[in-house]
Amino acid sequence: MSIQCPLCKSDQVITLDQGKKIGAVVGTVGGAASGIAGAMTGAASGAEFGVTVGLVAGPAGSALGGLAGAIFGGLIGAATGGITGAKLGEVVDQRVLDNYNCQSCGISFSRGSSDPAI
């Protein structure tokens, strides 16, 4: 199914996906920060427990484990946040923004629009 321009009836229409792009970036940054913060909190708790019980790998092993946990937490948080942000941005594109752009006449419009923005 192709989208036609409501003004010139051209089928040379592209999607702008601005909400999806912005949502993905914001979600990725926020998710990474949240994942790192959560991993660091967990690493601090784990380090306290490790000192109490005794470390098998020594203090260096605990520091490396905390760093690896922070990196892994950041990556998982970034991926999850990016996907969630992109999905939310996609909904904004479909329901709020004029997401379609006619390459023939240059207008932007939404899917159900009868009054395109020139």
Protein backbone atom coordinates (compact mmCIF):
# COMPACT_ATOMS: atom_id res chain seq x y z
CA MET A 1 0.00 0.00 0.00
CA SER A 2 1.51 3.30 -1.03
CA ILE A 3 0.74 6.70 0.42
CA GLN A 4 -0.35 9.42 -1.98
CA CYS A 5 0.16 13.14 -1.48
CA PRO A 6 -3.19 14.78 -0.68
CA LEU A 7 -2.21 17.89 -2.68
CA CYS A 8 -0.59 16.68 -5.92
CA LYS A 9 -1.56 12.97 -5.70
CA SER A 10 2.05 11.89 -6.23
CA ASP A 11 3.20 8.56 -4.86
CA GLN A 12 6.73 9.92 -4.26
CA VAL A 13 6.18 10.14 -0.51
CA ILE A 14 8.72 9.38 2.21
CA THR A 15 8.41 9.13 5.99
CA LEU A 16 10.42 11.56 8.10
CA ASP A 17 10.40 9.47 11.34
CA GLN A 18 11.67 12.39 13.43
CA GLY A 19 9.92 11.24 16.60
CA LYS A 20 11.32 7.74 16.20
CA LYS A 21 14.88 9.01 15.72
CA ILE A 22 14.75 11.43 18.64
CA GLY A 23 13.05 8.86 20.87
CA ALA A 24 15.74 6.29 20.09
CA VAL A 25 18.58 8.68 20.94
CA VAL A 26 16.98 9.91 24.17
CA GLY A 27 16.05 6.35 25.17
CA THR A 28 19.55 5.06 24.45
CA VAL A 29 21.26 7.77 26.51
CA GLY A 30 18.79 7.48 29.37
CA GLY A 31 18.87 3.70 29.34
CA ALA A 32 22.68 3.62 29.35
CA ALA A 33 22.86 6.05 32.29
CA SER A 34 20.24 4.09 34.20
CA GLY A 35 21.93 0.75 33.44
CA ILE A 36 25.34 2.01 34.55
CA ALA A 37 23.91 3.55 37.72
CA GLY A 38 22.10 0.33 38.58
CA ALA A 39 25.18 -1.76 37.90
CA MET A 40 27.35 0.53 40.01
CA THR A 41 24.89 0.31 42.89
CA GLY A 42 24.89 -3.46 42.57
CA ALA A 43 28.68 -3.51 42.34
CA ALA A 44 28.98 -1.43 45.51
CA SER A 45 26.64 -3.78 47.36
CA GLY A 46 28.51 -6.78 46.00
CA ALA A 47 31.85 -5.30 47.03
CA GLU A 48 30.61 -4.80 50.59
CA PHE A 49 29.40 -8.39 50.66
CA GLY A 50 32.67 -9.60 49.13
CA VAL A 51 34.75 -7.85 51.77
CA THR A 52 32.61 -9.41 54.49
CA VAL A 53 32.75 -12.95 53.11
CA GLY A 54 36.26 -12.84 51.59
CA LEU A 55 37.24 -12.51 47.95
CA VAL A 56 38.47 -15.44 45.91
CA ALA A 57 40.13 -13.30 43.22
CA GLY A 58 41.38 -10.60 45.56
CA PRO A 59 40.53 -6.86 45.48
CA ALA A 60 41.49 -6.50 41.81
CA GLY A 61 38.95 -9.15 40.85
CA SER A 62 36.23 -7.20 42.63
CA ALA A 63 37.13 -3.97 40.82
CA LEU A 64 37.19 -5.69 37.44
CA GLY A 65 33.88 -7.37 38.17
CA GLY A 66 32.35 -4.00 39.08
CA LEU A 67 33.68 -2.41 35.89
CA ALA A 68 32.43 -5.29 33.75
CA GLY A 69 29.05 -5.08 35.45
CA ALA A 70 28.84 -1.33 34.78
CA ILE A 71 29.73 -1.80 31.11
CA PHE A 72 27.30 -4.68 30.68
CA GLY A 73 24.56 -2.80 32.56
CA GLY A 74 25.14 0.24 30.37
CA LEU A 75 24.91 -1.79 27.17
CA ILE A 76 21.73 -3.58 28.24
CA GLY A 77 20.20 -0.31 29.46
CA ALA A 78 21.11 1.47 26.23
CA ALA A 79 19.62 -1.26 24.05
CA THR A 80 16.42 -1.47 26.09
CA GLY A 81 16.06 2.32 26.31
CA GLY A 82 16.74 2.76 22.60
CA ILE A 83 14.09 0.24 21.58
CA THR A 84 11.53 1.69 24.00
CA GLY A 85 12.28 5.26 22.89
CA ALA A 86 12.00 4.35 19.22
CA LYS A 87 8.63 2.66 19.76
CA LEU A 88 7.32 5.67 21.68
CA GLY A 89 8.64 8.01 18.97
CA GLU A 90 6.93 5.90 16.33
CA VAL A 91 3.59 6.44 18.08
CA VAL A 92 4.28 10.19 18.23
CA ASP A 93 5.10 10.15 14.49
CA GLN A 94 1.83 8.41 13.66
CA ARG A 95 -0.48 10.38 15.94
CA VAL A 96 1.02 13.83 16.45
CA LEU A 97 3.53 14.83 13.79
CA ASP A 98 3.19 15.35 10.04
CA ASN A 99 5.36 12.30 9.34
CA TYR A 100 4.97 12.12 5.54
CA ASN A 101 6.76 14.34 3.04
CA CYS A 102 5.96 14.56 -0.66
CA GLN A 103 9.11 14.58 -2.76
CA SER A 104 7.22 16.08 -5.74
CA CYS A 105 5.64 19.19 -4.19
CA GLY A 106 7.42 19.35 -0.81
CA ILE A 107 4.46 19.37 1.57
CA SER A 108 4.36 17.51 4.88
CA PHE A 109 1.21 15.74 6.04
CA SER A 110 -0.07 13.06 8.37
CA ARG A 111 -1.71 9.86 7.21
CA GLY A 112 -5.34 10.94 7.61
CA SER A 113 -4.68 14.56 6.74
CA SER A 114 -6.88 16.43 4.29
CA ASP A 115 -5.18 19.77 5.03
CA PRO A 116 -1.42 19.37 4.41
CA ALA A 117 1.16 21.74 5.89
CA ILE A 118 2.85 23.71 3.12
